[in-house]
Amino acid sequence: MNTTFKVGLVQQVCTENRAQNLAASIAGIREAAARGARLVLLQELHTGVYFCQTEDTAHFDRAETIPGPATEELGRVAKELSVVIVGSLFERRAPGVYHNTAVVLESDGRLIGQYRKMHIPDDPGFHEKFYFTPGDQGFTPISTSVGKLGVLVCWDQWYPEAARLMAMHGADILLYPTAIGWDTRDDEAEKNRQRDAWITVQRAHAIANGLPVVACNRVGLEPDPSGRTPGIQFWGSSFIAGPQGEFLVQAPIDKTTVLVAEISRKRVEDVRRIWPFFRDRRIDAYQDLTQRYGK
């Protein structure tokens, strides 16, 4: 396995036109591959709008099976370009059981793994508990031709436990497909605090685990279908960071963007030698982490 490889991500605007959205994702994959990427990450629920702003049972019709139409199309592109693709889909597992699921397509087109979002938010404008059953596959990296992928999804990115467990189980890189943005009624100071916190916590996962992090967020204003709020202004800002949290590349807050950066496996080894956090963990004293709150 090469000591370095290039990873890409596709930050895009999404509309109600599924075919158009998927075509935009694939165009971004093609651009990233042309720039040398061997692994490409797409944003959360990239085939449609972020429908979780409201609770509406009609939205369950958006879900699809895995394997299904999207994985087949992404698989064809993965095989054609010889790249590993991480997509994000609304999975219909069974009647009444739906998941927010990341899928991994190997460079030969095979669907080789999936991760069902474990942490499910329920906040104003983000009514995900209405739609998504929590994941039941744990925090297990997915082995690919470019390495072991620690795939997590959006709200998972706020939890150090999720990143740590992926790292402990051998992940070579952490990937976060995401859909997060501002309530446009917030003032600029609050908007900046939220965006900075989102960036900072993920860079911290890179630092604490000595791993590269790839975070891919959507961009653009998506109206609230109910009309009760102005909608969500997704803040983009997708980025790729190295194992000390350093920015390798970062996207703007308001533009469709394809990012590509080179990842060094040797750098991960070198960083973990000078910052041996795993060596010094006090595993004999962490039992209370399995409690909901302290004693």
Protein backbone atom coordinates (compact mmCIF):
# COMPACT_ATOMS: atom_id res chain seq x y z
CA MET A 1 0.00 0.00 0.00
CA ASN A 2 1.36 3.44 -0.95
CA THR A 3 2.61 5.71 1.83
CA THR A 4 0.52 8.57 0.46
CA PHE A 5 -2.81 8.88 -1.32
CA LYS A 6 -5.18 11.65 -2.29
CA VAL A 7 -8.66 12.07 -0.83
CA GLY A 8 -11.40 14.30 -2.22
CA LEU A 9 -14.78 15.62 -1.15
CA VAL A 10 -17.75 17.17 -2.93
CA GLN A 11 -19.53 20.13 -1.30
CA GLN A 12 -22.75 20.87 -3.21
CA VAL A 13 -26.14 22.54 -3.29
CA CYS A 14 -29.12 20.15 -3.28
CA THR A 15 -32.64 20.62 -4.66
CA GLU A 16 -35.81 18.54 -4.92
CA ASN A 17 -34.51 17.11 -8.21
CA ARG A 18 -32.92 13.80 -7.23
CA ALA A 19 -31.42 13.08 -10.64
CA GLN A 20 -29.85 16.53 -10.75
CA ASN A 21 -28.39 16.14 -7.26
CA LEU A 22 -26.87 12.74 -8.01
CA ALA A 23 -25.49 14.04 -11.31
CA ALA A 24 -23.81 16.91 -9.42
CA SER A 25 -22.31 14.45 -6.94
CA ILE A 26 -20.96 12.31 -9.76
CA ALA A 27 -19.56 15.34 -11.60
CA GLY A 28 -17.71 16.23 -8.39
CA ILE A 29 -16.40 12.67 -8.06
CA ARG A 30 -15.11 12.85 -11.62
CA GLU A 31 -13.33 16.13 -10.93
CA ALA A 32 -11.75 14.78 -7.75
CA ALA A 33 -10.62 11.61 -9.55
CA ALA A 34 -9.13 13.68 -12.39
CA ARG A 35 -7.12 15.53 -9.73
CA GLY A 36 -5.76 12.25 -8.40
CA ALA A 37 -8.19 11.34 -5.61
CA ARG A 38 -8.46 7.63 -4.82
CA LEU A 39 -11.11 8.16 -2.14
CA VAL A 40 -14.03 10.60 -2.46
CA LEU A 41 -16.49 11.61 0.27
CA LEU A 42 -19.96 12.98 -0.47
CA GLN A 43 -22.06 15.05 1.92
CA GLU A 44 -24.91 13.79 4.10
CA LEU A 45 -28.10 12.83 2.20
CA HIS A 46 -26.68 14.19 -1.04
CA THR A 47 -29.46 12.89 -3.30
CA GLY A 48 -32.04 15.39 -1.97
CA VAL A 49 -32.86 18.35 0.21
CA TYR A 50 -32.50 18.11 3.97
CA PHE A 51 -36.10 17.05 4.58
CA CYS A 52 -35.75 16.81 8.37
CA GLN A 53 -36.67 20.48 8.89
CA THR A 54 -40.27 19.29 9.40
CA GLU A 55 -42.03 16.09 10.46
CA ASP A 56 -43.98 14.69 7.51
CA THR A 57 -44.65 10.99 6.92
CA ALA A 58 -44.66 11.59 3.17
CA HIS A 59 -40.90 12.05 3.33
CA PHE A 60 -40.46 8.34 4.06
CA ASP A 61 -41.14 7.84 0.34
CA ARG A 62 -37.70 9.34 -0.28
CA ALA A 63 -35.98 6.32 1.30
CA GLU A 64 -34.45 3.53 -0.75
CA THR A 65 -33.07 0.09 -0.15
CA ILE A 66 -29.37 -0.68 0.18
CA PRO A 67 -28.29 -2.12 -2.22
CA GLY A 68 -30.52 -0.04 -4.46
CA PRO A 69 -30.58 2.51 -7.30
CA ALA A 70 -28.10 4.96 -5.77
CA THR A 71 -25.54 2.34 -4.76
CA GLU A 72 -25.76 0.79 -8.21
CA GLU A 73 -25.10 4.13 -9.91
CA LEU A 74 -22.30 5.10 -7.54
CA GLY A 75 -20.82 1.63 -7.95
CA ARG A 76 -20.66 2.04 -11.71
CA VAL A 77 -18.83 5.36 -11.28
CA ALA A 78 -16.44 3.88 -8.70
CA LYS A 79 -15.53 1.07 -11.09
CA GLU A 80 -15.17 3.36 -14.09
CA LEU A 81 -12.86 5.78 -12.27
CA SER A 82 -11.20 3.19 -9.99
CA VAL A 83 -11.95 5.23 -6.86
CA VAL A 84 -13.46 4.40 -3.48
CA ILE A 85 -16.68 6.39 -2.91
CA VAL A 86 -18.40 7.13 0.40
CA GLY A 87 -22.03 8.16 -0.17
CA SER A 88 -24.88 8.99 2.22
CA LEU A 89 -28.44 7.72 1.79
CA PHE A 90 -31.85 7.57 3.46
CA GLU A 91 -32.14 3.80 3.91
CA ARG A 92 -35.41 1.89 3.90
CA ARG A 93 -34.56 -1.20 5.91
CA ALA A 94 -38.13 -2.38 6.57
CA PRO A 95 -41.59 -0.84 6.94
CA GLY A 96 -41.23 1.65 9.79
CA VAL A 97 -37.46 1.12 10.10
CA TYR A 98 -35.36 3.72 8.33
CA HIS A 99 -31.73 4.77 8.78
CA ASN A 100 -29.39 7.59 7.87
CA THR A 101 -26.74 5.41 6.26
CA ALA A 102 -23.30 5.95 4.76
CA VAL A 103 -22.28 3.48 2.06
CA VAL A 104 -18.82 2.54 0.82
CA LEU A 105 -18.27 1.53 -2.81
CA GLU A 106 -14.94 -0.14 -3.57
CA SER A 107 -12.89 0.91 -6.60
CA ASP A 108 -14.15 -2.18 -8.47
CA GLY A 109 -17.75 -1.05 -7.98
CA ARG A 110 -18.73 -3.41 -5.16
CA LEU A 111 -20.76 -2.23 -2.19
CA ILE A 112 -18.40 -3.38 0.57
CA GLY A 113 -19.71 -1.70 3.68
CA GLN A 114 -22.17 0.65 5.34
CA TYR A 115 -22.47 2.63 8.54
CA ARG A 116 -25.80 3.57 10.11
CA LYS A 117 -25.74 6.88 11.97
CA MET A 118 -25.57 6.19 15.70
CA HIS A 119 -26.30 9.59 17.29
CA ILE A 120 -29.64 11.01 16.16
CA PRO A 121 -30.45 14.67 16.91
CA ASP A 122 -33.83 16.23 17.64
CA ASP A 123 -33.45 20.00 17.57
CA PRO A 124 -35.36 22.90 15.98
CA GLY A 125 -35.02 22.40 12.24
CA PHE A 126 -33.30 19.02 12.67
CA HIS A 127 -36.11 16.55 13.49
CA GLU A 128 -34.11 13.43 12.76
CA LYS A 129 -35.51 11.23 15.51
CA PHE A 130 -38.83 11.29 13.62
CA TYR A 131 -37.16 9.71 10.57
CA PHE A 132 -34.11 7.71 11.59
CA THR A 133 -33.71 4.62 13.73
CA PRO A 134 -30.37 4.74 15.58
CA GLY A 135 -27.63 2.62 14.04
CA ASP A 136 -27.00 -0.90 15.29
CA GLN A 137 -23.65 -1.76 13.69
CA GLY A 138 -21.37 -0.11 16.22
CA PHE A 139 -18.20 1.78 15.42
CA THR A 140 -16.34 -0.54 13.08
CA PRO A 141 -14.01 0.73 10.32
CA ILE A 142 -14.64 -0.46 6.79
CA SER A 143 -11.63 -2.04 5.05
CA THR A 144 -10.97 -0.79 1.51
CA SER A 145 -8.17 -0.69 -1.02
CA VAL A 146 -7.08 2.71 0.36
CA GLY A 147 -7.21 1.70 4.02
CA LYS A 148 -9.64 1.30 6.90
CA LEU A 149 -12.29 4.02 6.82
CA GLY A 150 -13.77 5.30 10.08
CA VAL A 151 -17.06 6.50 8.60
CA LEU A 152 -19.35 8.51 10.90
CA VAL A 153 -22.28 10.81 10.07
CA CYS A 154 -22.94 14.44 11.02
CA TRP A 155 -24.22 14.51 14.64
CA ASP A 156 -21.70 11.74 15.40
CA GLN A 157 -19.00 14.35 14.88
CA TRP A 158 -19.74 15.99 18.26
CA TYR A 159 -18.91 12.82 20.19
CA PRO A 160 -15.27 12.04 21.02
CA GLU A 161 -16.30 8.49 21.95
CA ALA A 162 -17.28 7.71 18.35
CA ALA A 163 -14.00 8.96 16.90
CA ARG A 164 -12.00 7.21 19.62
CA LEU A 165 -13.68 3.84 19.07
CA MET A 166 -13.14 4.05 15.31
CA ALA A 167 -9.48 4.86 15.94
CA MET A 168 -9.12 2.08 18.53
CA HIS A 169 -10.52 -0.39 16.00
CA GLY A 170 -7.88 0.52 13.47
CA ALA A 171 -9.30 3.34 11.34
CA ASP A 172 -6.71 5.02 9.11
CA ILE A 173 -8.87 8.09 8.50
CA LEU A 174 -12.10 9.59 9.89
CA LEU A 175 -14.82 10.72 7.47
CA TYR A 176 -17.91 12.79 8.30
CA PRO A 177 -20.64 13.37 5.70
CA THR A 178 -22.59 16.31 7.13
CA ALA A 179 -25.62 18.59 6.80
CA ILE A 180 -25.33 21.50 9.21
CA GLY A 181 -26.09 25.19 8.95
CA TRP A 182 -27.43 28.36 10.49
CA ASP A 183 -30.83 29.58 11.48
CA THR A 184 -30.73 32.78 9.43
CA ARG A 185 -32.35 34.68 12.33
CA ASP A 186 -29.23 34.27 14.50
CA ASP A 187 -26.83 37.20 14.68
CA GLU A 188 -23.37 37.04 13.13
CA ALA A 189 -21.61 36.42 16.45
CA GLU A 190 -23.74 33.36 17.18
CA LYS A 191 -23.29 32.08 13.63
CA ASN A 192 -19.53 32.37 13.94
CA ARG A 193 -19.50 30.60 17.31
CA GLN A 194 -21.48 27.66 15.91
CA ARG A 195 -19.36 27.25 12.80
CA ASP A 196 -16.12 27.60 14.75
CA ALA A 197 -17.29 24.97 17.26
CA TRP A 198 -18.15 22.56 14.44
CA ILE A 199 -14.71 22.94 12.89
CA THR A 200 -12.87 22.85 16.22
CA VAL A 201 -14.44 19.66 17.56
CA GLN A 202 -13.54 17.73 14.42
CA ARG A 203 -9.99 19.05 14.34
CA ALA A 204 -9.79 17.91 17.96
CA HIS A 205 -10.76 14.38 16.89
CA ALA A 206 -7.84 14.45 14.46
CA ILE A 207 -5.48 15.59 17.21
CA ALA A 208 -6.71 13.25 19.95
CA ASN A 209 -6.52 10.22 17.68
CA GLY A 210 -3.58 11.12 15.45
CA LEU A 211 -5.67 10.64 12.31
CA PRO A 212 -6.63 12.68 9.25
CA VAL A 213 -10.22 13.94 9.24
CA VAL A 214 -12.41 14.63 6.20
CA ALA A 215 -15.62 16.62 6.81
CA CYS A 216 -18.00 17.22 3.91
CA ASN A 217 -20.92 19.61 4.47
CA ARG A 218 -23.64 20.82 2.13
CA VAL A 219 -24.06 24.45 1.10
CA GLY A 220 -26.91 26.80 0.16
CA LEU A 221 -30.22 27.99 1.63
CA GLU A 222 -32.96 25.36 1.93
CA PRO A 223 -36.38 26.80 2.83
CA ASP A 224 -38.55 25.37 5.60
CA PRO A 225 -41.42 23.63 3.76
CA SER A 226 -43.83 24.56 6.58
CA GLY A 227 -43.00 28.25 6.30
CA ARG A 228 -42.65 28.54 10.08
CA THR A 229 -38.96 29.45 9.85
CA PRO A 230 -36.75 31.00 7.14
CA GLY A 231 -35.07 27.62 6.63
CA ILE A 232 -31.44 26.57 7.04
CA GLN A 233 -28.44 28.29 5.50
CA PHE A 234 -25.96 25.42 5.22
CA TRP A 235 -22.51 26.81 5.92
CA GLY A 236 -20.30 24.63 3.74
CA SER A 237 -16.77 25.03 5.16
CA SER A 238 -15.90 21.42 4.30
CA PHE A 239 -12.29 20.59 5.06
CA ILE A 240 -9.55 18.00 5.20
CA ALA A 241 -7.23 18.07 8.21
CA GLY A 242 -4.04 16.20 9.04
CA PRO A 243 -3.30 14.17 12.19
CA GLN A 244 -2.37 17.25 14.23
CA GLY A 245 -5.58 18.99 13.23
CA GLU A 246 -3.81 21.13 10.65
CA PHE A 247 -5.90 22.31 7.70
CA LEU A 248 -4.83 20.75 4.42
CA VAL A 249 -7.66 22.34 2.42
CA GLN A 250 -10.91 24.12 3.29
CA ALA A 251 -13.95 25.12 1.25
CA PRO A 252 -15.83 28.45 1.41
CA ILE A 253 -19.16 28.85 3.22
CA ASP A 254 -21.21 29.62 0.11
CA LYS A 255 -19.95 27.78 -2.99
CA THR A 256 -20.11 24.36 -4.55
CA THR A 257 -16.55 23.08 -4.20
CA VAL A 258 -14.44 20.00 -4.86
CA LEU A 259 -11.46 19.63 -2.52
CA VAL A 260 -8.51 17.26 -2.90
CA ALA A 261 -5.59 16.78 -0.50
CA GLU A 262 -2.76 14.32 -0.11
CA ILE A 263 -2.75 12.13 2.99
CA SER A 264 0.47 10.65 4.38
CA ARG A 265 0.29 7.33 6.21
CA LYS A 266 3.83 7.89 7.47
CA ARG A 267 2.80 11.19 9.05
CA VAL A 268 0.19 9.36 11.14
CA GLU A 269 2.90 7.04 12.42
CA ASP A 270 5.29 9.92 13.10
CA VAL A 271 2.67 11.98 14.98
CA ARG A 272 1.63 9.06 17.15
CA ARG A 273 5.25 8.49 18.12
CA ILE A 274 5.68 12.01 19.47
CA TRP A 275 2.15 12.25 20.90
CA PRO A 276 1.50 8.70 22.23
CA PHE A 277 -2.00 9.32 23.53
CA PHE A 278 -3.03 5.69 23.11
CA ARG A 279 -0.08 4.51 25.19
CA ASP A 280 -1.03 6.78 28.11
CA ARG A 281 -4.76 6.16 28.25
CA ARG A 282 -5.91 5.16 31.75
CA ILE A 283 -8.21 2.35 30.70
CA ASP A 284 -8.40 1.20 34.32
CA ALA A 285 -10.19 4.43 35.30
CA TYR A 286 -12.71 5.02 32.52
CA GLN A 287 -15.58 2.80 33.67
CA ASP A 288 -17.92 5.75 34.30
CA LEU A 289 -17.93 6.58 30.61
CA THR A 290 -20.63 3.95 30.20
CA GLN A 291 -22.92 5.91 32.56
CA ARG A 292 -25.43 8.49 31.36
CA TYR A 293 -24.01 11.04 33.79
CA GLY A 294 -21.70 11.17 36.81
CA LYS A 295 -22.29 9.74 40.25
